[in-house]
Amino acid sequence: MLKTGDKLPAFHLEDQDGKSKSMADYAGKWVVLYVYPKDDTPGCTIQGKSFTEKKAAFEKLGVSILGLSADDVASHRDFCDKFSFTIDLLADPQAQYLNALGIKQSEYKGTMYWDRTTFVIDPKGVVRKVYEKVNPQGHEDVLLRDITEMKGT
């Protein structure tokens, strides 16, 4: 698992619109990269709605929000459309990037899911904070407070 102070590995993944995204697209910007288990599940829906609702507050701080799961582009598109998400969701169906990040999997009701984890990345691509086993309820408020403190604003 990546730790505070580690450089975020490069990525080239497609978003919900099939557009290629890379870490280079966010060079010089703060990024919240949140890993979630599965599209259209209760906790993941709470997170997506919360990040969409608070997107303007993150943008005001100069922070981009990226969701990441092993779901494919079509699943992400359906998920975004169903709940009117305005955040970008990155598709990693082969789980290569999830594995590069060191995300763990846990079993729930007989199915393996990627652990809900969030990384705050600074403008130099360095991980400033890692949140493991995230509770989706109110997590965006914790991030806004912590990033404000990190930035000294």
Protein backbone atom coordinates (compact mmCIF):
# COMPACT_ATOMS: atom_id res chain seq x y z
CA MET A 1 0.00 0.00 0.00
CA LEU A 2 1.25 3.44 -0.85
CA LYS A 3 2.18 5.54 2.14
CA THR A 4 2.42 9.25 2.87
CA GLY A 5 5.48 10.59 1.05
CA ASP A 6 5.34 8.05 -1.80
CA LYS A 7 5.08 9.22 -5.39
CA LEU A 8 1.77 8.24 -6.97
CA PRO A 9 2.43 5.73 -9.78
CA ALA A 10 1.67 6.95 -13.29
CA PHE A 11 -1.61 5.81 -14.79
CA HIS A 12 -3.41 5.76 -18.12
CA LEU A 13 -7.05 4.83 -17.57
CA GLU A 14 -10.35 5.64 -19.23
CA ASP A 15 -13.05 7.64 -17.48
CA GLN A 16 -16.81 7.14 -17.65
CA ASP A 17 -16.86 8.77 -21.10
CA GLY A 18 -14.11 6.55 -22.50
CA LYS A 19 -11.62 9.45 -22.43
CA SER A 20 -8.05 8.55 -21.57
CA LYS A 21 -6.81 10.14 -18.36
CA SER A 22 -3.33 10.15 -16.90
CA MET A 23 -1.65 11.63 -13.86
CA ALA A 24 0.07 14.05 -16.26
CA ASP A 25 -3.38 15.63 -16.83
CA TYR A 26 -3.33 16.67 -13.17
CA ALA A 27 0.29 17.83 -12.91
CA GLY A 28 0.55 20.86 -10.66
CA LYS A 29 -2.87 20.19 -9.09
CA TRP A 30 -4.12 18.65 -5.88
CA VAL A 31 -6.02 15.41 -6.44
CA VAL A 32 -8.27 13.24 -4.32
CA LEU A 33 -8.14 9.69 -5.68
CA TYR A 34 -10.76 7.59 -3.99
CA VAL A 35 -10.99 3.85 -4.49
CA TYR A 36 -14.40 2.33 -4.07
CA PRO A 37 -15.60 -1.28 -4.27
CA LYS A 38 -18.34 -1.37 -6.92
CA ASP A 39 -20.61 0.85 -9.00
CA ASP A 40 -24.24 1.18 -7.95
CA THR A 41 -23.87 -0.24 -4.45
CA PRO A 42 -25.12 1.62 -1.37
CA GLY A 43 -21.86 2.94 0.11
CA CYS A 44 -20.38 3.74 -3.28
CA THR A 45 -23.52 5.64 -4.25
CA ILE A 46 -23.31 7.66 -1.03
CA GLN A 47 -19.71 8.54 -1.85
CA GLY A 48 -20.40 9.49 -5.46
CA LYS A 49 -23.35 11.68 -4.47
CA SER A 50 -21.35 13.34 -1.68
CA PHE A 51 -18.37 14.12 -3.90
CA THR A 52 -20.68 15.46 -6.60
CA GLU A 53 -22.50 17.61 -4.03
CA LYS A 54 -19.21 19.03 -2.68
CA LYS A 55 -17.39 19.27 -6.02
CA ALA A 56 -17.52 23.09 -6.05
CA ALA A 57 -15.94 23.24 -2.58
CA PHE A 58 -13.08 20.99 -3.76
CA GLU A 59 -12.66 23.05 -6.93
CA LYS A 60 -12.50 26.23 -4.83
CA LEU A 61 -9.50 24.64 -3.07
CA GLY A 62 -8.01 23.68 -6.46
CA VAL A 63 -8.62 19.95 -5.94
CA SER A 64 -9.72 17.46 -8.60
CA ILE A 65 -11.76 14.40 -7.58
CA LEU A 66 -11.14 11.02 -9.21
CA GLY A 67 -13.00 7.84 -8.32
CA LEU A 68 -11.43 4.48 -9.15
CA SER A 69 -12.83 0.97 -9.25
CA ALA A 70 -12.44 -2.25 -11.20
CA ASP A 71 -15.74 -1.62 -13.01
CA ASP A 72 -15.56 -0.97 -16.75
CA VAL A 73 -16.31 2.24 -18.66
CA ALA A 74 -19.92 1.24 -19.50
CA SER A 75 -20.67 0.50 -15.85
CA HIS A 76 -19.20 3.86 -14.81
CA ARG A 77 -21.27 5.65 -17.49
CA ASP A 78 -24.47 3.98 -16.25
CA PHE A 79 -23.58 4.79 -12.63
CA CYS A 80 -22.91 8.46 -13.44
CA ASP A 81 -26.08 8.76 -15.51
CA LYS A 82 -28.27 7.08 -12.90
CA PHE A 83 -27.19 9.44 -10.11
CA SER A 84 -26.15 12.56 -12.11
CA PHE A 85 -22.54 12.39 -10.93
CA THR A 86 -20.29 15.19 -12.18
CA ILE A 87 -17.04 13.65 -10.94
CA ASP A 88 -14.73 11.49 -13.04
CA LEU A 89 -14.67 7.74 -12.43
CA LEU A 90 -11.66 5.82 -13.70
CA ALA A 91 -12.08 2.27 -14.99
CA ASP A 92 -9.49 -0.37 -14.07
CA PRO A 93 -11.21 -3.65 -15.08
CA GLN A 94 -7.93 -5.59 -15.11
CA ALA A 95 -7.09 -4.15 -11.65
CA GLN A 96 -3.54 -3.34 -12.72
CA TYR A 97 -3.58 0.13 -11.19
CA LEU A 98 -5.44 -1.01 -8.09
CA ASN A 99 -2.67 -3.56 -7.57
CA ALA A 100 0.03 -0.93 -8.26
CA LEU A 101 -1.49 1.20 -5.49
CA GLY A 102 -1.40 -1.78 -3.14
CA ILE A 103 -5.14 -1.72 -2.48
CA LYS A 104 -6.28 -4.70 -0.46
CA GLN A 105 -9.36 -6.78 -1.08
CA SER A 106 -11.84 -7.91 1.55
CA GLU A 107 -14.61 -10.46 1.40
CA TYR A 108 -18.22 -9.39 1.93
CA LYS A 109 -21.05 -11.90 1.66
CA GLY A 110 -18.88 -14.28 -0.32
CA THR A 111 -17.64 -11.69 -2.83
CA MET A 112 -14.23 -10.02 -2.90
CA TYR A 113 -14.23 -6.22 -3.06
CA TRP A 114 -11.46 -3.64 -3.22
CA ASP A 115 -11.11 -1.84 0.11
CA ARG A 116 -12.44 1.69 0.21
CA THR A 117 -9.27 3.82 0.30
CA THR A 118 -8.56 7.49 -0.42
CA PHE A 119 -5.31 9.20 -1.37
CA VAL A 120 -4.67 12.94 -1.24
CA ILE A 121 -2.00 13.81 -3.80
CA ASP A 122 -0.20 17.15 -3.87
CA PRO A 123 0.75 19.14 -7.01
CA LYS A 124 4.09 17.30 -7.25
CA GLY A 125 2.36 13.90 -7.39
CA VAL A 126 3.30 12.98 -3.82
CA VAL A 127 0.84 11.20 -1.54
CA ARG A 128 0.15 13.56 1.34
CA LYS A 129 -2.38 11.40 3.21
CA VAL A 130 -3.91 7.92 2.97
CA TYR A 131 -7.31 7.01 4.41
CA GLU A 132 -7.96 3.29 4.73
CA LYS A 133 -11.26 1.49 5.31
CA VAL A 134 -13.11 4.73 4.67
CA ASN A 135 -16.61 5.31 5.96
CA PRO A 136 -18.41 6.85 2.96
CA GLN A 137 -20.74 8.91 5.13
CA GLY A 138 -19.17 12.36 5.60
CA HIS A 139 -15.76 11.43 4.19
CA GLU A 140 -15.79 14.38 1.79
CA ASP A 141 -16.09 16.80 4.74
CA VAL A 142 -13.08 15.18 6.45
CA LEU A 143 -11.10 15.56 3.23
CA LEU A 144 -12.07 19.21 2.77
CA ARG A 145 -10.99 20.00 6.34
CA ASP A 146 -7.72 18.06 6.07
CA ILE A 147 -6.77 19.48 2.67
CA THR A 148 -7.49 23.01 3.89
CA GLU A 149 -5.08 22.35 6.78
CA MET A 150 -2.44 20.81 4.46
CA LYS A 151 -2.59 23.79 2.15
CA GLY A 152 -2.62 26.27 5.01
CA THR A 153 -5.63 28.10 3.59
